[in-house]
Amino acid sequence: MTNVGFGMHNRACPAGFYLSPPTLQVCSPGTAIFNTFATVKSTRMKKIAVIGAGTMGNGIAHVFAMNGYAVHLIDISESALQKALATIGKNLDRMIAKGKLEETAKTETLDRITTMTAIAEGVADRDLIVEAATENPDLKRKIFQEMDTHAPAHAILATNTSSISITWIAAATKRPDQVIGMHFMNPVPVMKLVEVIRGYATSDTVTSTIMTLSKELGKTPVEVNDYPGFVANRILMPMINEAIETLFEGVGGVEEIDQVMKLGMAHPMGPLQLADFIGLDVCLSILQVLHDGFGRPKYAPCPLLVNMVAAGKLGVKTGEGFYRYDPATREKEVAPFFTR
């Protein structure tokens, strides 16, 4: 359990937070129930919205729905929503095949997901909204303004951003204390980590609630502070960028670089293959955030990465990056550009 911070005892409990020592109680709006040693027992947040039906969004929706939450999956594209449902169905089938899920659980999970194309309608009665749109700062801020306008006053607004400032996003809302980073890892149904990022104004209560909620999803939350790249990508992206620089300078080939890191450093996947898996456009966006945020040359994206993104070679999602991927089997071979 996570203790609510000192000095919180005079704050009113927003509807939806369930705090009590020693027994669980339900509080109504305006009821002051905080004390120095209040502990989050359960979030009891059952109505979730996920904005963005891409790789991360459909994975987040999958995990919430599988754990009993009613999910609104929101995207402006109906085709993206249908593709997301198909992906979730296939991922559930894999779990069934591995004996990790009953067949009935697949139907129940999919039944808990409702697709919508309008944010206003999708967030109107939700307890938590998780934004998982493209890693574009201006787009995220615009979405948060709309979330803030239409979500209930008690709702927590979370972002799955992997690098963009939570404080900057929160400043676009009238509830910066209820804005937080909830950075899931890809693939969401498999990876245990949730990086929980508090912005400058994020309250202790909201942080405790999201930490508890993450555990209820079977995840391991780790709380970090709001600086460019947070922890995960501040460490990971410079390593990936250096691997690309090593390739760019001809020190080693694609397979050779990945083999060194897999066999020598016990990484399950080499950095170039991992970059393909993440998406080279996403890697570039994160490095640009790091470079802009810190102003240090070590975060400057490698010119090869910039050129590959400009050429549309984004990795697995486009079928080619540092490797070329068979669309049916996802078997890989080094991309022709790096073998000539």
C-alpha atoms as a PDB file:
ATOM      1  CA  MET A   1       0.000   0.000   0.000  1.00  0.00           C
ATOM      2  CA  THR A   2       1.088   3.589  -0.563  1.00  0.00           C
ATOM      3  CA  ASN A   3       0.712   6.209   2.154  1.00  0.00           C
ATOM      4  CA  VAL A   4      -0.985   9.456   1.243  1.00  0.00           C
ATOM      5  CA  GLY A   5       1.427  12.334   1.914  1.00  0.00           C
ATOM      6  CA  PHE A   6       1.421  14.595   4.967  1.00  0.00           C
ATOM      7  CA  GLY A   7      -0.581  17.788   4.827  1.00  0.00           C
ATOM      8  CA  MET A   8      -3.439  16.247   2.841  1.00  0.00           C
ATOM      9  CA  HIS A   9      -5.963  15.970   5.682  1.00  0.00           C
ATOM     10  CA  ASN A  10      -7.878  19.156   4.848  1.00  0.00           C
ATOM     11  CA  ARG A  11      -8.462  18.325   1.187  1.00  0.00           C
ATOM     12  CA  ALA A  12     -11.834  17.065   0.021  1.00  0.00           C
ATOM     13  CA  CYS A  13     -12.007  13.624  -1.538  1.00  0.00           C
ATOM     14  CA  PRO A  14     -12.930  13.701  -5.253  1.00  0.00           C
ATOM     15  CA  ALA A  15     -15.703  11.261  -6.121  1.00  0.00           C
ATOM     16  CA  GLY A  16     -14.244   7.920  -7.111  1.00  0.00           C
ATOM     17  CA  PHE A  17     -11.392   7.772  -4.572  1.00  0.00           C
ATOM     18  CA  TYR A  18     -11.806   5.150  -1.863  1.00  0.00           C
ATOM     19  CA  LEU A  19      -9.486   5.698   1.069  1.00  0.00           C
ATOM     20  CA  SER A  20      -9.733   4.479   4.616  1.00  0.00           C
ATOM     21  CA  PRO A  21      -7.818   3.172   7.535  1.00  0.00           C
ATOM     22  CA  PRO A  22      -8.429   0.473   8.564  1.00  0.00           C
ATOM     23  CA  THR A  23     -11.504  -0.484   6.508  1.00  0.00           C
ATOM     24  CA  LEU A  24     -12.596   0.430   2.992  1.00  0.00           C
ATOM     25  CA  GLN A  25     -15.139   3.270   2.781  1.00  0.00           C
ATOM     26  CA  VAL A  26     -16.835   5.086  -0.073  1.00  0.00           C
ATOM     27  CA  CYS A  27     -16.600   8.854   0.078  1.00  0.00           C
ATOM     28  CA  SER A  28     -18.913  11.322  -1.591  1.00  0.00           C
ATOM     29  CA  PRO A  29     -17.850  14.597  -3.217  1.00  0.00           C
ATOM     30  CA  GLY A  30     -16.902  17.239  -0.664  1.00  0.00           C
ATOM     31  CA  THR A  31     -16.375  14.817   2.240  1.00  0.00           C
ATOM     32  CA  ALA A  32     -13.059  15.451   3.994  1.00  0.00           C
ATOM     33  CA  ILE A  33     -11.683  12.008   4.853  1.00  0.00           C
ATOM     34  CA  PHE A  34      -7.924  12.349   4.527  1.00  0.00           C
ATOM     35  CA  ASN A  35      -5.656  11.943   7.496  1.00  0.00           C
ATOM     36  CA  THR A  36      -1.924  11.672   7.867  1.00  0.00           C
ATOM     37  CA  PHE A  37      -1.856   7.900   7.518  1.00  0.00           C
ATOM     38  CA  ALA A  38      -4.677   7.334   5.027  1.00  0.00           C
ATOM     39  CA  THR A  39      -3.924   4.459   2.683  1.00  0.00           C
ATOM     40  CA  VAL A  40      -5.370   3.607  -0.715  1.00  0.00           C
ATOM     41  CA  LYS A  41      -7.109   0.253  -0.350  1.00  0.00           C
ATOM     42  CA  SER A  42      -8.704   0.018  -3.772  1.00  0.00           C
ATOM     43  CA  THR A  43      -9.412   2.424  -6.593  1.00  0.00           C
ATOM     44  CA  ARG A  44     -12.837   0.988  -7.424  1.00  0.00           C
ATOM     45  CA  MET A  45     -12.580   2.831 -10.749  1.00  0.00           C
ATOM     46  CA  LYS A  46     -14.610   0.759 -13.164  1.00  0.00           C
ATOM     47  CA  LYS A  47     -15.268   3.135 -16.051  1.00  0.00           C
ATOM     48  CA  ILE A  48     -12.228   3.723 -18.242  1.00  0.00           C
ATOM     49  CA  ALA A  49     -11.686   5.515 -21.537  1.00  0.00           C
ATOM     50  CA  VAL A  50      -8.670   4.989 -23.785  1.00  0.00           C
ATOM     51  CA  ILE A  51      -8.015   7.557 -26.503  1.00  0.00           C
ATOM     52  CA  GLY A  52      -6.119   6.186 -29.494  1.00  0.00           C
ATOM     53  CA  ALA A  53      -6.642   2.750 -31.028  1.00  0.00           C
ATOM     54  CA  GLY A  54      -3.081   2.148 -32.191  1.00  0.00           C
ATOM     55  CA  THR A  55      -0.592  -0.373 -30.813  1.00  0.00           C
ATOM     56  CA  MET A  56      -0.463   1.099 -27.319  1.00  0.00           C
ATOM     57  CA  GLY A  57      -4.116   2.118 -27.119  1.00  0.00           C
ATOM     58  CA  ASN A  58      -5.507  -1.279 -28.067  1.00  0.00           C
ATOM     59  CA  GLY A  59      -3.074  -2.960 -25.661  1.00  0.00           C
ATOM     60  CA  ILE A  60      -4.170  -0.710 -22.783  1.00  0.00           C
ATOM     61  CA  ALA A  61      -7.847  -1.308 -23.613  1.00  0.00           C
ATOM     62  CA  HIS A  62      -7.162  -5.067 -23.714  1.00  0.00           C
ATOM     63  CA  VAL A  63      -5.597  -5.101 -20.245  1.00  0.00           C
ATOM     64  CA  PHE A  64      -8.304  -3.000 -18.598  1.00  0.00           C
ATOM     65  CA  ALA A  65     -11.150  -4.995 -20.192  1.00  0.00           C
ATOM     66  CA  MET A  66      -9.557  -8.331 -19.327  1.00  0.00           C
ATOM     67  CA  ASN A  67      -9.423  -7.201 -15.693  1.00  0.00           C
ATOM     68  CA  GLY A  68     -13.123  -6.383 -15.515  1.00  0.00           C
ATOM     69  CA  TYR A  69     -13.206  -2.687 -16.420  1.00  0.00           C
ATOM     70  CA  ALA A  70     -15.783  -1.179 -18.778  1.00  0.00           C
ATOM     71  CA  VAL A  71     -13.732   0.475 -21.523  1.00  0.00           C
ATOM     72  CA  HIS A  72     -14.574   3.124 -24.091  1.00  0.00           C
ATOM     73  CA  LEU A  73     -11.955   2.867 -26.861  1.00  0.00           C
ATOM     74  CA  ILE A  74     -11.940   6.172 -28.748  1.00  0.00           C
ATOM     75  CA  ASP A  75     -10.401   7.011 -32.109  1.00  0.00           C
ATOM     76  CA  ILE A  76     -11.431   9.335 -34.939  1.00  0.00           C
ATOM     77  CA  SER A  77     -10.929   6.454 -37.391  1.00  0.00           C
ATOM     78  CA  GLU A  78     -13.577   3.721 -37.463  1.00  0.00           C
ATOM     79  CA  SER A  79     -11.205   1.474 -39.417  1.00  0.00           C
ATOM     80  CA  ALA A  80      -8.555   1.910 -36.712  1.00  0.00           C
ATOM     81  CA  LEU A  81     -11.104   0.890 -34.089  1.00  0.00           C
ATOM     82  CA  GLN A  82     -12.088  -2.252 -35.996  1.00  0.00           C
ATOM     83  CA  LYS A  83      -8.423  -3.122 -36.518  1.00  0.00           C
ATOM     84  CA  ALA A  84      -7.843  -2.643 -32.785  1.00  0.00           C
ATOM     85  CA  LEU A  85     -10.664  -5.036 -31.886  1.00  0.00           C
ATOM     86  CA  ALA A  86      -9.274  -7.610 -34.320  1.00  0.00           C
ATOM     87  CA  THR A  87      -5.808  -7.259 -32.762  1.00  0.00           C
ATOM     88  CA  ILE A  88      -7.188  -7.655 -29.244  1.00  0.00           C
ATOM     89  CA  GLY A  89      -9.106 -10.746 -30.392  1.00  0.00           C
ATOM     90  CA  LYS A  90      -5.955 -12.299 -31.879  1.00  0.00           C
ATOM     91  CA  ASN A  91      -3.949 -11.547 -28.737  1.00  0.00           C
ATOM     92  CA  LEU A  92      -6.645 -13.153 -26.591  1.00  0.00           C
ATOM     93  CA  ASP A  93      -6.588 -16.196 -28.885  1.00  0.00           C
ATOM     94  CA  ARG A  94      -2.847 -16.528 -28.271  1.00  0.00           C
ATOM     95  CA  MET A  95      -3.470 -16.487 -24.534  1.00  0.00           C
ATOM     96  CA  ILE A  96      -6.135 -19.182 -24.907  1.00  0.00           C
ATOM     97  CA  ALA A  97      -3.775 -21.317 -27.009  1.00  0.00           C
ATOM     98  CA  LYS A  98      -1.136 -21.052 -24.274  1.00  0.00           C
ATOM     99  CA  GLY A  99      -3.638 -22.060 -21.598  1.00  0.00           C
ATOM    100  CA  LYS A 100      -3.521 -18.645 -19.919  1.00  0.00           C
ATOM    101  CA  LEU A 101      -7.161 -17.742 -20.594  1.00  0.00           C
ATOM    102  CA  GLU A 102     -10.505 -19.497 -20.841  1.00  0.00           C
ATOM    103  CA  GLU A 103     -12.490 -19.191 -24.083  1.00  0.00           C
ATOM    104  CA  THR A 104     -15.374 -17.529 -22.234  1.00  0.00           C
ATOM    105  CA  ALA A 105     -13.009 -14.852 -20.934  1.00  0.00           C
ATOM    106  CA  LYS A 106     -12.307 -13.740 -24.504  1.00  0.00           C
ATOM    107  CA  THR A 107     -15.999 -13.031 -25.138  1.00  0.00           C
ATOM    108  CA  GLU A 108     -16.356 -11.270 -21.788  1.00  0.00           C
ATOM    109  CA  THR A 109     -13.290  -9.118 -22.446  1.00  0.00           C
ATOM    110  CA  LEU A 110     -14.434  -8.009 -25.896  1.00  0.00           C
ATOM    111  CA  ASP A 111     -17.948  -7.336 -24.572  1.00  0.00           C
ATOM    112  CA  ARG A 112     -16.483  -4.839 -22.096  1.00  0.00           C
ATOM    113  CA  ILE A 113     -15.016  -2.699 -24.904  1.00  0.00           C
ATOM    114  CA  THR A 114     -17.226  -0.127 -26.612  1.00  0.00           C
ATOM    115  CA  THR A 115     -15.744   1.765 -29.566  1.00  0.00           C
ATOM    116  CA  MET A 116     -16.465   5.448 -30.116  1.00  0.00           C
ATOM    117  CA  THR A 117     -15.269   8.164 -32.492  1.00  0.00           C
ATOM    118  CA  ALA A 118     -16.036  11.260 -30.384  1.00  0.00           C
ATOM    119  CA  ILE A 119     -14.034  12.235 -27.291  1.00  0.00           C
ATOM    120  CA  ALA A 120     -16.885  14.265 -25.780  1.00  0.00           C
ATOM    121  CA  GLU A 121     -19.240  11.282 -25.724  1.00  0.00           C
ATOM    122  CA  GLY A 122     -16.544   8.763 -24.851  1.00  0.00           C
ATOM    123  CA  VAL A 123     -15.234  10.455 -21.687  1.00  0.00           C
ATOM    124  CA  ALA A 124     -18.492  11.902 -20.299  1.00  0.00           C
ATOM    125  CA  ASP A 125     -19.035   9.352 -17.511  1.00  0.00           C
ATOM    126  CA  ARG A 126     -15.535   7.920 -17.085  1.00  0.00           C
ATOM    127  CA  ASP A 127     -13.458   7.687 -13.888  1.00  0.00           C
ATOM    128  CA  LEU A 128     -10.111   7.506 -15.681  1.00  0.00           C
ATOM    129  CA  ILE A 129      -9.143   8.544 -19.201  1.00  0.00           C
ATOM    130  CA  VAL A 130      -5.845   7.280 -20.627  1.00  0.00           C
ATOM    131  CA  GLU A 131      -4.619   9.162 -23.695  1.00  0.00           C
ATOM    132  CA  ALA A 132      -2.532   6.993 -26.032  1.00  0.00           C
ATOM    133  CA  ALA A 133      -2.441   9.057 -29.216  1.00  0.00           C
ATOM    134  CA  THR A 134       0.549   9.741 -31.459  1.00  0.00           C
ATOM    135  CA  GLU A 135       3.636  11.085 -29.678  1.00  0.00           C
ATOM    136  CA  ASN A 136       2.953  14.636 -30.861  1.00  0.00           C
ATOM    137  CA  PRO A 137       3.064  17.340 -28.149  1.00  0.00           C
ATOM    138  CA  ASP A 138       0.555  19.730 -29.730  1.00  0.00           C
ATOM    139  CA  LEU A 139      -1.903  16.930 -30.502  1.00  0.00           C
ATOM    140  CA  LYS A 140      -1.710  15.588 -26.947  1.00  0.00           C
ATOM    141  CA  ARG A 141      -2.299  19.016 -25.453  1.00  0.00           C
ATOM    142  CA  LYS A 142      -5.308  19.559 -27.711  1.00  0.00           C
ATOM    143  CA  ILE A 143      -6.743  16.181 -26.687  1.00  0.00           C
ATOM    144  CA  PHE A 144      -6.240  17.004 -23.012  1.00  0.00           C
ATOM    145  CA  GLN A 145      -8.111  20.279 -23.389  1.00  0.00           C
ATOM    146  CA  GLU A 146     -11.045  18.343 -24.832  1.00  0.00           C
ATOM    147  CA  MET A 147     -10.795  15.639 -22.160  1.00  0.00           C
ATOM    148  CA  ASP A 148     -10.804  18.305 -19.462  1.00  0.00           C
ATOM    149  CA  THR A 149     -13.886  19.987 -20.928  1.00  0.00           C
ATOM    150  CA  HIS A 150     -16.028  16.861 -21.132  1.00  0.00           C
ATOM    151  CA  ALA A 151     -14.789  14.480 -18.403  1.00  0.00           C
ATOM    152  CA  PRO A 152     -16.459  14.451 -14.951  1.00  0.00           C
ATOM    153  CA  ALA A 153     -14.859  16.674 -12.306  1.00  0.00           C
ATOM    154  CA  HIS A 154     -13.561  13.645 -10.362  1.00  0.00           C
ATOM    155  CA  ALA A 155     -11.930  11.956 -13.371  1.00  0.00           C
ATOM    156  CA  ILE A 156      -8.183  11.402 -13.514  1.00  0.00           C
ATOM    157  CA  LEU A 157      -6.601  12.325 -16.847  1.00  0.00           C
ATOM    158  CA  ALA A 158      -3.608  10.117 -17.693  1.00  0.00           C
ATOM    159  CA  THR A 159      -1.258  10.073 -20.636  1.00  0.00           C
ATOM    160  CA  ASN A 160       0.731   7.150 -21.995  1.00  0.00           C
ATOM    161  CA  THR A 161       3.394   9.499 -23.340  1.00  0.00           C
ATOM    162  CA  SER A 162       6.872   8.022 -23.317  1.00  0.00           C
ATOM    163  CA  SER A 163       8.738  11.325 -23.055  1.00  0.00           C
ATOM    164  CA  ILE A 164       6.600  14.499 -23.209  1.00  0.00           C
ATOM    165  CA  SER A 165       6.352  16.650 -20.075  1.00  0.00           C
ATOM    166  CA  ILE A 166       3.357  15.805 -17.868  1.00  0.00           C
ATOM    167  CA  THR A 167       3.553  19.297 -16.368  1.00  0.00           C
ATOM    168  CA  TRP A 168       3.299  20.902 -19.818  1.00  0.00           C
ATOM    169  CA  ILE A 169       0.346  18.717 -20.796  1.00  0.00           C
ATOM    170  CA  ALA A 170      -1.390  19.346 -17.448  1.00  0.00           C
ATOM    171  CA  ALA A 171      -1.084  23.113 -17.919  1.00  0.00           C
ATOM    172  CA  ALA A 172      -3.633  22.838 -20.749  1.00  0.00           C
ATOM    173  CA  THR A 173      -6.282  21.704 -18.227  1.00  0.00           C
ATOM    174  CA  LYS A 174      -8.099  23.207 -15.250  1.00  0.00           C
ATOM    175  CA  ARG A 175      -7.194  20.177 -13.111  1.00  0.00           C
ATOM    176  CA  PRO A 176      -3.385  19.835 -13.242  1.00  0.00           C
ATOM    177  CA  ASP A 177      -3.444  18.030  -9.885  1.00  0.00           C
ATOM    178  CA  GLN A 178      -5.456  15.229 -11.545  1.00  0.00           C
ATOM    179  CA  VAL A 179      -3.119  14.777 -14.529  1.00  0.00           C
ATOM    180  CA  ILE A 180      -0.512  12.014 -14.447  1.00  0.00           C
ATOM    181  CA  GLY A 181       1.690   9.906 -16.697  1.00  0.00           C
ATOM    182  CA  MET A 182       0.811   6.232 -16.996  1.00  0.00           C
ATOM    183  CA  HIS A 183       3.491   4.877 -19.343  1.00  0.00           C
ATOM    184  CA  PHE A 184       2.762   1.272 -20.284  1.00  0.00           C
ATOM    185  CA  MET A 185       5.362  -0.803 -22.092  1.00  0.00           C
ATOM    186  CA  ASN A 186       4.891  -2.560 -25.438  1.00  0.00           C
ATOM    187  CA  PRO A 187       3.379  -5.152 -25.773  1.00  0.00           C
ATOM    188  CA  VAL A 188       1.027  -3.979 -23.021  1.00  0.00           C
ATOM    189  CA  PRO A 189      -0.617  -7.359 -22.246  1.00  0.00           C
ATOM    190  CA  VAL A 190       2.816  -8.932 -21.701  1.00  0.00           C
ATOM    191  CA  MET A 191       5.077  -6.286 -20.153  1.00  0.00           C
ATOM    192  CA  LYS A 192       4.766  -5.817 -16.380  1.00  0.00           C
ATOM    193  CA  LEU A 193       6.121  -2.295 -15.973  1.00  0.00           C
ATOM    194  CA  VAL A 194       4.020   0.858 -15.731  1.00  0.00           C
ATOM    195  CA  GLU A 195       6.122   3.993 -15.361  1.00  0.00           C
ATOM    196  CA  VAL A 196       3.979   6.360 -13.260  1.00  0.00           C
ATOM    197  CA  ILE A 197       5.048   9.964 -13.774  1.00  0.00           C
ATOM    198  CA  ARG A 198       3.930  12.765 -11.493  1.00  0.00           C
ATOM    199  CA  GLY A 199       3.799  16.240 -12.950  1.00  0.00           C
ATOM    200  CA  TYR A 200       4.704  19.339 -10.950  1.00  0.00           C
ATOM    201  CA  ALA A 201       1.114  19.662  -9.652  1.00  0.00           C
ATOM    202  CA  THR A 202       0.029  15.982  -9.551  1.00  0.00           C
ATOM    203  CA  SER A 203      -1.481  15.265  -6.132  1.00  0.00           C
ATOM    204  CA  ASP A 204      -0.353  12.525  -3.780  1.00  0.00           C
ATOM    205  CA  THR A 205      -3.868  11.094  -3.888  1.00  0.00           C
ATOM    206  CA  VAL A 206      -3.925  10.771  -7.664  1.00  0.00           C
ATOM    207  CA  THR A 207      -0.446   9.227  -7.672  1.00  0.00           C
ATOM    208  CA  SER A 208      -1.444   6.696  -4.992  1.00  0.00           C
ATOM    209  CA  THR A 209      -4.628   5.861  -6.875  1.00  0.00           C
ATOM    210  CA  ILE A 210      -2.784   5.150 -10.128  1.00  0.00           C
ATOM    211  CA  MET A 211      -0.104   3.123  -8.346  1.00  0.00           C
ATOM    212  CA  THR A 212      -2.832   0.976  -6.761  1.00  0.00           C
ATOM    213  CA  LEU A 213      -4.788   0.687  -9.990  1.00  0.00           C
ATOM    214  CA  SER A 214      -1.676  -0.491 -11.848  1.00  0.00           C
ATOM    215  CA  LYS A 215      -1.218  -3.262  -9.304  1.00  0.00           C
ATOM    216  CA  GLU A 216      -4.861  -4.266  -9.730  1.00  0.00           C
ATOM    217  CA  LEU A 217      -4.077  -4.739 -13.440  1.00  0.00           C
ATOM    218  CA  GLY A 218      -1.301  -7.168 -12.526  1.00  0.00           C
ATOM    219  CA  LYS A 219       1.386  -4.616 -13.364  1.00  0.00           C
ATOM    220  CA  THR A 220       4.380  -3.355 -11.401  1.00  0.00           C
ATOM    221  CA  PRO A 221       4.205   0.439 -11.131  1.00  0.00           C
ATOM    222  CA  VAL A 222       7.348   2.503 -10.601  1.00  0.00           C
ATOM    223  CA  GLU A 223       6.940   6.148  -9.619  1.00  0.00           C
ATOM    224  CA  VAL A 224       9.267   8.663 -11.279  1.00  0.00           C
ATOM    225  CA  ASN A 225       9.432  12.431 -11.640  1.00  0.00           C
ATOM    226  CA  ASP A 226       8.683  14.574 -14.668  1.00  0.00           C
ATOM    227  CA  TYR A 227      11.834  15.239 -16.675  1.00  0.00           C
ATOM    228  CA  PRO A 228      12.385  14.583 -20.411  1.00  0.00           C
ATOM    229  CA  GLY A 229      12.271  10.872 -21.207  1.00  0.00           C
ATOM    230  CA  PHE A 230      11.495  10.055 -17.561  1.00  0.00           C
ATOM    231  CA  VAL A 231      13.637   7.014 -16.619  1.00  0.00           C
ATOM    232  CA  ALA A 232      12.889   4.344 -19.236  1.00  0.00           C
ATOM    233  CA  ASN A 233      13.525   6.336 -22.391  1.00  0.00           C
ATOM    234  CA  ARG A 234      16.176   8.643 -20.970  1.00  0.00           C
ATOM    235  CA  ILE A 235      18.308   5.502 -20.639  1.00  0.00           C
ATOM    236  CA  LEU A 236      16.998   3.397 -23.533  1.00  0.00           C
ATOM    237  CA  MET A 237      16.889   5.922 -26.380  1.00  0.00           C
ATOM    238  CA  PRO A 238      20.520   7.106 -26.150  1.00  0.00           C
ATOM    239  CA  MET A 239      21.554   3.430 -26.294  1.00  0.00           C
ATOM    240  CA  ILE A 240      19.435   2.838 -29.402  1.00  0.00           C
ATOM    241  CA  ASN A 241      20.736   6.062 -30.954  1.00  0.00           C
ATOM    242  CA  GLU A 242      24.332   5.001 -30.253  1.00  0.00           C
ATOM    243  CA  ALA A 243      23.670   1.638 -31.902  1.00  0.00           C
ATOM    244  CA  ILE A 244      22.403   3.503 -34.989  1.00  0.00           C
ATOM    245  CA  GLU A 245      25.491   5.750 -34.892  1.00  0.00           C
ATOM    246  CA  THR A 246      27.674   2.622 -34.722  1.00  0.00           C
ATOM    247  CA  LEU A 247      25.940   1.303 -37.847  1.00  0.00           C
ATOM    248  CA  PHE A 248      26.091   4.721 -39.538  1.00  0.00           C
ATOM    249  CA  GLU A 249      29.858   4.942 -38.963  1.00  0.00           C
ATOM    250  CA  GLY A 250      30.457   1.425 -40.287  1.00  0.00           C
ATOM    251  CA  VAL A 251      31.766  -0.021 -37.039  1.00  0.00           C
ATOM    252  CA  GLY A 252      29.504  -3.039 -37.429  1.00  0.00           C
ATOM    253  CA  GLY A 253      26.574  -4.365 -39.459  1.00  0.00           C
ATOM    254  CA  VAL A 254      22.941  -4.635 -38.381  1.00  0.00           C
ATOM    255  CA  GLU A 255      23.103  -8.269 -37.244  1.00  0.00           C
ATOM    256  CA  GLU A 256      26.551  -7.875 -35.749  1.00  0.00           C
ATOM    257  CA  ILE A 257      25.507  -4.950 -33.534  1.00  0.00           C
ATOM    258  CA  ASP A 258      22.409  -6.785 -32.359  1.00  0.00           C
ATOM    259  CA  GLN A 259      24.343 -10.011 -31.732  1.00  0.00           C
ATOM    260  CA  VAL A 260      26.908  -8.223 -29.562  1.00  0.00           C
ATOM    261  CA  MET A 261      24.200  -6.769 -27.360  1.00  0.00           C
ATOM    262  CA  LYS A 262      22.190  -9.989 -27.149  1.00  0.00           C
ATOM    263  CA  LEU A 263      25.079 -12.374 -26.486  1.00  0.00           C
ATOM    264  CA  GLY A 264      27.399 -10.004 -24.640  1.00  0.00           C
ATOM    265  CA  MET A 265      24.932  -7.986 -22.585  1.00  0.00           C
ATOM    266  CA  ALA A 266      22.126 -10.589 -22.226  1.00  0.00           C
ATOM    267  CA  HIS A 267      19.571  -8.354 -23.944  1.00  0.00           C
ATOM    268  CA  PRO A 268      16.624 -10.414 -25.243  1.00  0.00           C
ATOM    269  CA  MET A 269      16.499  -8.260 -28.391  1.00  0.00           C
ATOM    270  CA  GLY A 270      19.223  -6.224 -30.076  1.00  0.00           C
ATOM    271  CA  PRO A 271      18.878  -2.415 -30.077  1.00  0.00           C
ATOM    272  CA  LEU A 272      18.282  -2.142 -33.839  1.00  0.00           C
ATOM    273  CA  GLN A 273      15.579  -4.801 -33.830  1.00  0.00           C
ATOM    274  CA  LEU A 274      14.083  -3.147 -30.745  1.00  0.00           C
ATOM    275  CA  ALA A 275      14.031   0.209 -32.565  1.00  0.00           C
ATOM    276  CA  ASP A 276      12.126  -1.467 -35.416  1.00  0.00           C
ATOM    277  CA  PHE A 277       9.684  -2.913 -32.905  1.00  0.00           C
ATOM    278  CA  ILE A 278       9.115   0.440 -31.154  1.00  0.00           C
ATOM    279  CA  GLY A 279       8.865   2.329 -34.451  1.00  0.00           C
ATOM    280  CA  LEU A 280      11.682   4.484 -35.809  1.00  0.00           C
ATOM    281  CA  ASP A 281       9.361   7.494 -35.921  1.00  0.00           C
ATOM    282  CA  VAL A 282       8.644   7.066 -32.215  1.00  0.00           C
ATOM    283  CA  CYS A 283      12.374   6.745 -31.464  1.00  0.00           C
ATOM    284  CA  LEU A 284      13.042   9.938 -33.400  1.00  0.00           C
ATOM    285  CA  SER A 285      10.261  11.829 -31.583  1.00  0.00           C
ATOM    286  CA  ILE A 286      11.582  10.793 -28.175  1.00  0.00           C
ATOM    287  CA  LEU A 287      15.161  11.734 -29.049  1.00  0.00           C
ATOM    288  CA  GLN A 288      13.950  15.134 -30.245  1.00  0.00           C
ATOM    289  CA  VAL A 289      12.168  15.650 -26.908  1.00  0.00           C
ATOM    290  CA  LEU A 290      15.359  14.700 -25.048  1.00  0.00           C
ATOM    291  CA  HIS A 291      17.510  16.952 -27.235  1.00  0.00           C
ATOM    292  CA  ASP A 292      15.125  19.905 -26.916  1.00  0.00           C
ATOM    293  CA  GLY A 293      14.646  19.361 -23.181  1.00  0.00           C
ATOM    294  CA  PHE A 294      18.287  19.030 -22.178  1.00  0.00           C
ATOM    295  CA  GLY A 295      20.066  20.779 -25.058  1.00  0.00           C
ATOM    296  CA  ARG A 296      22.912  18.266 -24.961  1.00  0.00           C
ATOM    297  CA  PRO A 297      24.593  16.939 -28.130  1.00  0.00           C
ATOM    298  CA  LYS A 298      24.483  13.346 -26.845  1.00  0.00           C
ATOM    299  CA  TYR A 299      20.719  13.297 -27.403  1.00  0.00           C
ATOM    300  CA  ALA A 300      20.863  14.530 -31.019  1.00  0.00           C
ATOM    301  CA  PRO A 301      19.240  11.923 -33.321  1.00  0.00           C
ATOM    302  CA  CYS A 302      21.610  10.124 -35.689  1.00  0.00           C
ATOM    303  CA  PRO A 303      21.280  11.411 -39.306  1.00  0.00           C
ATOM    304  CA  LEU A 304      20.646   7.828 -40.458  1.00  0.00           C
ATOM    305  CA  LEU A 305      17.591   7.606 -38.188  1.00  0.00           C
ATOM    306  CA  VAL A 306      16.300  10.945 -39.494  1.00  0.00           C
ATOM    307  CA  ASN A 307      16.694   9.781 -43.105  1.00  0.00           C
ATOM    308  CA  MET A 308      14.999   6.434 -42.499  1.00  0.00           C
ATOM    309  CA  VAL A 309      11.962   8.133 -40.960  1.00  0.00           C
ATOM    310  CA  ALA A 310      11.832  10.591 -43.872  1.00  0.00           C
ATOM    311  CA  ALA A 311      11.920   7.620 -46.259  1.00  0.00           C
ATOM    312  CA  GLY A 312       9.019   5.933 -44.477  1.00  0.00           C
ATOM    313  CA  LYS A 313      11.124   3.005 -43.227  1.00  0.00           C
ATOM    314  CA  LEU A 314       9.666   2.892 -39.736  1.00  0.00           C
ATOM    315  CA  GLY A 315      10.274  -0.709 -38.744  1.00  0.00           C
ATOM    316  CA  VAL A 316       7.811  -3.533 -38.149  1.00  0.00           C
ATOM    317  CA  LYS A 317       4.701  -1.419 -38.759  1.00  0.00           C
ATOM    318  CA  THR A 318       5.785  -0.534 -42.307  1.00  0.00           C
ATOM    319  CA  GLY A 319       7.467  -3.876 -43.005  1.00  0.00           C
ATOM    320  CA  GLU A 320      10.998  -2.480 -43.153  1.00  0.00           C
ATOM    321  CA  GLY A 321      13.459  -0.654 -40.959  1.00  0.00           C
ATOM    322  CA  PHE A 322      16.863  -2.048 -40.095  1.00  0.00           C
ATOM    323  CA  TYR A 323      15.330  -5.401 -40.963  1.00  0.00           C
ATOM    324  CA  ARG A 324      12.728  -6.377 -43.536  1.00  0.00           C
ATOM    325  CA  TYR A 325       9.756  -8.330 -42.142  1.00  0.00           C
ATOM    326  CA  ASP A 326       7.608 -10.942 -43.846  1.00  0.00           C
ATOM    327  CA  PRO A 327       4.018  -9.655 -43.489  1.00  0.00           C
ATOM    328  CA  ALA A 328       2.624 -13.141 -42.837  1.00  0.00           C
ATOM    329  CA  THR A 329       5.204 -14.643 -40.494  1.00  0.00           C
ATOM    330  CA  ARG A 330       7.099 -11.562 -39.235  1.00  0.00           C
ATOM    331  CA  GLU A 331      10.294 -13.448 -40.012  1.00  0.00           C
ATOM    332  CA  LYS A 332      13.099 -10.956 -40.493  1.00  0.00           C
ATOM    333  CA  GLU A 333      16.170 -10.420 -42.651  1.00  0.00           C
ATOM    334  CA  VAL A 334      18.520  -7.468 -42.838  1.00  0.00           C
ATOM    335  CA  ALA A 335      17.003  -4.721 -44.975  1.00  0.00           C
ATOM    336  CA  PRO A 336      18.475  -4.473 -48.503  1.00  0.00           C
ATOM    337  CA  PHE A 337      19.800  -0.946 -47.853  1.00  0.00           C
ATOM    338  CA  PHE A 338      22.251  -2.374 -45.317  1.00  0.00           C
ATOM    339  CA  THR A 339      23.438  -5.339 -47.417  1.00  0.00           C
ATOM    340  CA  ARG A 340      24.505  -3.552 -50.574  1.00  0.00           C
END
